[in-house]
Amino acid sequence: MTEEHSTKPSQSPDAGALYQLAYQESQRSLTQQASVLDNLRTRAGLVITAANVVTALLGAPAIKNATSPSAGGTDVPGLTLGGLLAVVCFGIVGVASILMLWPWKGWTFRFGAKDIVRRVDERPDITLAGTHRRLAELNEESFLANETKLSRLFWLLEVAAIFLFLESVFWVASLAPVRIPVVPL
């Protein structure tokens, strides 16, 4: 069952207390959302750190053990196909992590005192209950706008984690390349 959004203020005797409750809950949601963003950025830092460790531990030996390119081959000298793919994965992890850590503009987690004072000055007839109601609505709009951005960042985290795993697999594969004998037909 969906409830239709009403732009008309409630006439309930408890409206003031209910608007205050709505405002407090909207503030709590924004505070939790800011915490989620901080945690996501911490995870992004851990993912890029893990990629660096994997590359340092597995990349150097893999490059040392790499064979030279085959005659007429397109391999990068010193790297096997697995090593080349690992480097590409490392680059993708790095770009995704930087995008997650970048201080993008447009996040809204609170309203400044000047904004609230300006709104009160523009509408001197507004009540405390009306102010709580309007701020709760604005906080919800901010929450939804932030949620869209957070979804993109979580997608980047998933991409980074997948490519970190693939990077590890490719480095290990390049350390012990499997040679499949070619049988002439």
C-alpha atoms as a PDB file:
ATOM      1  CA  MET A   1       0.000   0.000   0.000  1.00  0.00           C
ATOM      2  CA  THR A   2       1.458   3.361  -0.999  1.00  0.00           C
ATOM      3  CA  GLU A   3       0.774   6.597   0.758  1.00  0.00           C
ATOM      4  CA  GLU A   4       0.321   9.687  -1.378  1.00  0.00           C
ATOM      5  CA  HIS A   5       2.694  12.560  -0.567  1.00  0.00           C
ATOM      6  CA  SER A   6       0.849  15.598   0.716  1.00  0.00           C
ATOM      7  CA  THR A   7       2.281  19.097   0.440  1.00  0.00           C
ATOM      8  CA  LYS A   8      -0.408  20.411   2.777  1.00  0.00           C
ATOM      9  CA  PRO A   9       0.751  20.669   6.427  1.00  0.00           C
ATOM     10  CA  SER A  10      -1.009  18.417   8.891  1.00  0.00           C
ATOM     11  CA  GLN A  11      -3.653  19.881  11.176  1.00  0.00           C
ATOM     12  CA  SER A  12      -3.070  17.185  13.789  1.00  0.00           C
ATOM     13  CA  PRO A  13      -2.563  18.421  17.352  1.00  0.00           C
ATOM     14  CA  ASP A  14       0.636  16.355  17.399  1.00  0.00           C
ATOM     15  CA  ALA A  15       1.896  17.743  14.081  1.00  0.00           C
ATOM     16  CA  GLY A  16       4.689  19.779  15.672  1.00  0.00           C
ATOM     17  CA  ALA A  17       6.077  16.787  17.535  1.00  0.00           C
ATOM     18  CA  LEU A  18       5.679  14.555  14.488  1.00  0.00           C
ATOM     19  CA  TYR A  19       7.493  17.041  12.229  1.00  0.00           C
ATOM     20  CA  GLN A  20      10.269  17.266  14.794  1.00  0.00           C
ATOM     21  CA  LEU A  21      10.483  13.460  14.818  1.00  0.00           C
ATOM     22  CA  ALA A  22      10.597  13.410  10.997  1.00  0.00           C
ATOM     23  CA  TYR A  23      13.371  16.016  11.036  1.00  0.00           C
ATOM     24  CA  GLN A  24      15.406  14.091  13.622  1.00  0.00           C
ATOM     25  CA  GLU A  25      15.047  10.857  11.650  1.00  0.00           C
ATOM     26  CA  SER A  26      16.054  12.587   8.426  1.00  0.00           C
ATOM     27  CA  GLN A  27      19.149  13.960  10.171  1.00  0.00           C
ATOM     28  CA  ARG A  28      19.962  10.497  11.483  1.00  0.00           C
ATOM     29  CA  SER A  29      19.652   9.074   7.956  1.00  0.00           C
ATOM     30  CA  LEU A  30      22.036  11.691   6.567  1.00  0.00           C
ATOM     31  CA  THR A  31      24.519  11.067   9.390  1.00  0.00           C
ATOM     32  CA  GLN A  32      24.449   7.325   8.689  1.00  0.00           C
ATOM     33  CA  GLN A  33      24.850   8.009   4.978  1.00  0.00           C
ATOM     34  CA  ALA A  34      27.929  10.161   5.631  1.00  0.00           C
ATOM     35  CA  SER A  35      29.346   7.292   7.689  1.00  0.00           C
ATOM     36  CA  VAL A  36      28.689   4.868   4.816  1.00  0.00           C
ATOM     37  CA  LEU A  37      30.586   7.196   2.462  1.00  0.00           C
ATOM     38  CA  ASP A  38      33.529   7.346   4.873  1.00  0.00           C
ATOM     39  CA  ASN A  39      33.549   3.547   5.180  1.00  0.00           C
ATOM     40  CA  LEU A  40      33.384   3.120   1.419  1.00  0.00           C
ATOM     41  CA  ARG A  41      36.379   5.408   0.973  1.00  0.00           C
ATOM     42  CA  THR A  42      38.273   3.441   3.624  1.00  0.00           C
ATOM     43  CA  ARG A  43      37.525   0.245   1.686  1.00  0.00           C
ATOM     44  CA  ALA A  44      38.708   1.900  -1.533  1.00  0.00           C
ATOM     45  CA  GLY A  45      41.997   2.695   0.183  1.00  0.00           C
ATOM     46  CA  LEU A  46      42.301  -0.910   1.323  1.00  0.00           C
ATOM     47  CA  VAL A  47      41.592  -2.241  -2.172  1.00  0.00           C
ATOM     48  CA  ILE A  48      44.306  -0.104  -3.789  1.00  0.00           C
ATOM     49  CA  THR A  49      46.709  -1.050  -0.986  1.00  0.00           C
ATOM     50  CA  ALA A  50      45.946  -4.741  -1.554  1.00  0.00           C
ATOM     51  CA  ALA A  51      46.506  -4.301  -5.296  1.00  0.00           C
ATOM     52  CA  ASN A  52      49.889  -2.699  -4.584  1.00  0.00           C
ATOM     53  CA  VAL A  53      50.885  -5.548  -2.273  1.00  0.00           C
ATOM     54  CA  VAL A  54      49.771  -8.200  -4.785  1.00  0.00           C
ATOM     55  CA  THR A  55      51.701  -6.463  -7.558  1.00  0.00           C
ATOM     56  CA  ALA A  56      54.811  -6.087  -5.406  1.00  0.00           C
ATOM     57  CA  LEU A  57      54.792  -9.679  -4.180  1.00  0.00           C
ATOM     58  CA  LEU A  58      53.756 -11.459  -7.370  1.00  0.00           C
ATOM     59  CA  GLY A  59      54.620  -9.002 -10.131  1.00  0.00           C
ATOM     60  CA  ALA A  60      58.388  -8.819  -9.654  1.00  0.00           C
ATOM     61  CA  PRO A  61      58.942 -12.594  -9.691  1.00  0.00           C
ATOM     62  CA  ALA A  62      56.504 -12.988 -12.575  1.00  0.00           C
ATOM     63  CA  ILE A  63      58.398 -10.452 -14.662  1.00  0.00           C
ATOM     64  CA  LYS A  64      61.739 -12.107 -13.792  1.00  0.00           C
ATOM     65  CA  ASN A  65      60.398 -15.521 -14.803  1.00  0.00           C
ATOM     66  CA  ALA A  66      58.683 -14.262 -17.916  1.00  0.00           C
ATOM     67  CA  THR A  67      59.763 -15.597 -21.249  1.00  0.00           C
ATOM     68  CA  SER A  68      60.641 -13.353 -24.155  1.00  0.00           C
ATOM     69  CA  PRO A  69      57.989 -12.879 -26.815  1.00  0.00           C
ATOM     70  CA  SER A  70      57.482 -15.629 -29.308  1.00  0.00           C
ATOM     71  CA  ALA A  71      58.586 -15.099 -32.885  1.00  0.00           C
ATOM     72  CA  GLY A  72      56.032 -12.907 -34.579  1.00  0.00           C
ATOM     73  CA  GLY A  73      54.066 -12.656 -31.309  1.00  0.00           C
ATOM     74  CA  THR A  74      52.499  -9.499 -29.971  1.00  0.00           C
ATOM     75  CA  ASP A  75      53.423 -10.081 -26.318  1.00  0.00           C
ATOM     76  CA  VAL A  76      55.095  -7.247 -24.440  1.00  0.00           C
ATOM     77  CA  PRO A  77      58.751  -8.231 -23.905  1.00  0.00           C
ATOM     78  CA  GLY A  78      59.278  -9.587 -20.412  1.00  0.00           C
ATOM     79  CA  LEU A  79      55.613 -10.218 -19.715  1.00  0.00           C
ATOM     80  CA  THR A  80      53.504 -13.262 -20.321  1.00  0.00           C
ATOM     81  CA  LEU A  81      49.891 -12.821 -21.324  1.00  0.00           C
ATOM     82  CA  GLY A  82      48.977 -13.400 -17.667  1.00  0.00           C
ATOM     83  CA  GLY A  83      51.399 -10.680 -16.587  1.00  0.00           C
ATOM     84  CA  LEU A  84      50.034  -8.255 -19.141  1.00  0.00           C
ATOM     85  CA  LEU A  85      46.465  -8.961 -18.037  1.00  0.00           C
ATOM     86  CA  ALA A  86      47.520  -8.519 -14.391  1.00  0.00           C
ATOM     87  CA  VAL A  87      48.961  -5.086 -15.189  1.00  0.00           C
ATOM     88  CA  VAL A  88      45.709  -4.109 -16.955  1.00  0.00           C
ATOM     89  CA  CYS A  89      43.707  -5.306 -13.929  1.00  0.00           C
ATOM     90  CA  PHE A  90      45.995  -3.329 -11.619  1.00  0.00           C
ATOM     91  CA  GLY A  91      45.317  -0.216 -13.708  1.00  0.00           C
ATOM     92  CA  ILE A  92      41.555  -0.752 -13.525  1.00  0.00           C
ATOM     93  CA  VAL A  93      41.734  -1.227  -9.743  1.00  0.00           C
ATOM     94  CA  GLY A  94      43.793   1.953  -9.476  1.00  0.00           C
ATOM     95  CA  VAL A  95      41.407   4.056 -11.575  1.00  0.00           C
ATOM     96  CA  ALA A  96      38.325   2.725  -9.760  1.00  0.00           C
ATOM     97  CA  SER A  97      39.945   3.410  -6.373  1.00  0.00           C
ATOM     98  CA  ILE A  98      40.940   6.939  -7.335  1.00  0.00           C
ATOM     99  CA  LEU A  99      37.395   7.634  -8.509  1.00  0.00           C
ATOM    100  CA  MET A 100      36.049   6.410  -5.156  1.00  0.00           C
ATOM    101  CA  LEU A 101      38.558   8.475  -3.185  1.00  0.00           C
ATOM    102  CA  TRP A 102      38.141  11.636  -5.271  1.00  0.00           C
ATOM    103  CA  PRO A 103      36.476  14.457  -3.280  1.00  0.00           C
ATOM    104  CA  TRP A 104      33.472  14.859  -5.583  1.00  0.00           C
ATOM    105  CA  LYS A 105      31.368  17.997  -5.080  1.00  0.00           C
ATOM    106  CA  GLY A 106      27.636  17.982  -4.493  1.00  0.00           C
ATOM    107  CA  TRP A 107      27.289  15.877  -1.356  1.00  0.00           C
ATOM    108  CA  THR A 108      24.767  17.361   1.090  1.00  0.00           C
ATOM    109  CA  PHE A 109      24.684  16.076   4.653  1.00  0.00           C
ATOM    110  CA  ARG A 110      23.503  19.184   6.502  1.00  0.00           C
ATOM    111  CA  PHE A 111      22.238  22.722   6.099  1.00  0.00           C
ATOM    112  CA  GLY A 112      24.232  25.678   7.279  1.00  0.00           C
ATOM    113  CA  ALA A 113      22.837  28.088   9.856  1.00  0.00           C
ATOM    114  CA  LYS A 114      22.814  30.885   7.244  1.00  0.00           C
ATOM    115  CA  ASP A 115      20.512  28.835   5.004  1.00  0.00           C
ATOM    116  CA  ILE A 116      18.047  28.282   7.826  1.00  0.00           C
ATOM    117  CA  VAL A 117      18.151  31.936   8.926  1.00  0.00           C
ATOM    118  CA  ARG A 118      17.611  33.071   5.327  1.00  0.00           C
ATOM    119  CA  ARG A 119      14.582  30.783   4.989  1.00  0.00           C
ATOM    120  CA  VAL A 120      13.104  32.117   8.241  1.00  0.00           C
ATOM    121  CA  ASP A 121      13.719  35.713   7.136  1.00  0.00           C
ATOM    122  CA  GLU A 122      11.986  35.053   3.810  1.00  0.00           C
ATOM    123  CA  ARG A 123       8.930  33.643   5.596  1.00  0.00           C
ATOM    124  CA  PRO A 124       8.482  35.385   8.956  1.00  0.00           C
ATOM    125  CA  ASP A 125       5.146  33.593   9.477  1.00  0.00           C
ATOM    126  CA  ILE A 126       6.772  30.138   9.524  1.00  0.00           C
ATOM    127  CA  THR A 127       6.515  28.146  12.742  1.00  0.00           C
ATOM    128  CA  LEU A 128       9.022  25.825  14.354  1.00  0.00           C
ATOM    129  CA  ALA A 129       6.857  22.885  13.278  1.00  0.00           C
ATOM    130  CA  GLY A 130       6.817  24.226   9.720  1.00  0.00           C
ATOM    131  CA  THR A 131      10.592  24.621   9.783  1.00  0.00           C
ATOM    132  CA  HIS A 132      11.040  21.043  11.013  1.00  0.00           C
ATOM    133  CA  ARG A 133       8.694  19.831   8.280  1.00  0.00           C
ATOM    134  CA  ARG A 134      10.538  21.701   5.511  1.00  0.00           C
ATOM    135  CA  LEU A 135      13.983  20.659   6.746  1.00  0.00           C
ATOM    136  CA  ALA A 136      12.839  17.029   6.918  1.00  0.00           C
ATOM    137  CA  GLU A 137      11.706  17.282   3.277  1.00  0.00           C
ATOM    138  CA  LEU A 138      14.990  18.914   2.211  1.00  0.00           C
ATOM    139  CA  ASN A 139      16.984  16.276   4.081  1.00  0.00           C
ATOM    140  CA  GLU A 140      15.061  13.551   2.265  1.00  0.00           C
ATOM    141  CA  GLU A 141      15.872  15.198  -1.085  1.00  0.00           C
ATOM    142  CA  SER A 142      19.544  15.347  -0.076  1.00  0.00           C
ATOM    143  CA  PHE A 143      19.459  11.721   1.037  1.00  0.00           C
ATOM    144  CA  LEU A 144      18.065  10.579  -2.317  1.00  0.00           C
ATOM    145  CA  ALA A 145      20.585  12.643  -4.304  1.00  0.00           C
ATOM    146  CA  ASN A 146      23.444  11.310  -2.165  1.00  0.00           C
ATOM    147  CA  GLU A 147      22.118   7.755  -2.511  1.00  0.00           C
ATOM    148  CA  THR A 148      22.479   7.914  -6.296  1.00  0.00           C
ATOM    149  CA  LYS A 149      26.121   8.953  -5.953  1.00  0.00           C
ATOM    150  CA  LEU A 150      26.755   6.285  -3.306  1.00  0.00           C
ATOM    151  CA  SER A 151      25.326   3.613  -5.603  1.00  0.00           C
ATOM    152  CA  ARG A 152      27.851   4.577  -8.279  1.00  0.00           C
ATOM    153  CA  LEU A 153      30.704   4.421  -5.780  1.00  0.00           C
ATOM    154  CA  PHE A 154      29.603   0.990  -4.540  1.00  0.00           C
ATOM    155  CA  TRP A 155      29.532  -0.201  -8.150  1.00  0.00           C
ATOM    156  CA  LEU A 156      33.131   1.028  -8.513  1.00  0.00           C
ATOM    157  CA  LEU A 157      34.076  -0.836  -5.323  1.00  0.00           C
ATOM    158  CA  GLU A 158      32.610  -4.040  -6.750  1.00  0.00           C
ATOM    159  CA  VAL A 159      34.528  -3.522 -10.004  1.00  0.00           C
ATOM    160  CA  ALA A 160      37.753  -2.863  -8.084  1.00  0.00           C
ATOM    161  CA  ALA A 161      37.301  -5.987  -5.936  1.00  0.00           C
ATOM    162  CA  ILE A 162      36.638  -8.194  -8.973  1.00  0.00           C
ATOM    163  CA  PHE A 163      39.664  -6.866 -10.833  1.00  0.00           C
ATOM    164  CA  LEU A 164      41.835  -7.227  -7.719  1.00  0.00           C
ATOM    165  CA  PHE A 165      40.911 -10.893  -7.647  1.00  0.00           C
ATOM    166  CA  LEU A 166      41.589 -11.244 -11.375  1.00  0.00           C
ATOM    167  CA  GLU A 167      44.919  -9.461 -10.978  1.00  0.00           C
ATOM    168  CA  SER A 168      45.977 -12.017  -8.359  1.00  0.00           C
ATOM    169  CA  VAL A 169      44.898 -14.899 -10.580  1.00  0.00           C
ATOM    170  CA  PHE A 170      46.784 -13.510 -13.570  1.00  0.00           C
ATOM    171  CA  TRP A 171      49.978 -12.897 -11.587  1.00  0.00           C
ATOM    172  CA  VAL A 172      49.885 -16.438 -10.221  1.00  0.00           C
ATOM    173  CA  ALA A 173      49.201 -17.790 -13.710  1.00  0.00           C
ATOM    174  CA  SER A 174      52.143 -15.831 -15.080  1.00  0.00           C
ATOM    175  CA  LEU A 175      54.409 -17.278 -12.378  1.00  0.00           C
ATOM    176  CA  ALA A 176      53.608 -20.831 -13.416  1.00  0.00           C
ATOM    177  CA  PRO A 177      52.510 -20.636 -17.030  1.00  0.00           C
ATOM    178  CA  VAL A 178      50.891 -23.760 -18.307  1.00  0.00           C
ATOM    179  CA  ARG A 179      52.404 -24.906 -21.547  1.00  0.00           C
ATOM    180  CA  ILE A 180      50.031 -26.776 -23.781  1.00  0.00           C
ATOM    181  CA  PRO A 181      51.909 -28.779 -26.363  1.00  0.00           C
ATOM    182  CA  VAL A 182      50.815 -28.135 -29.885  1.00  0.00           C
ATOM    183  CA  VAL A 183      50.255 -31.317 -31.805  1.00  0.00           C
ATOM    184  CA  PRO A 184      50.788 -30.882 -35.536  1.00  0.00           C
ATOM    185  CA  LEU A 185      47.871 -31.957 -37.634  1.00  0.00           C
END
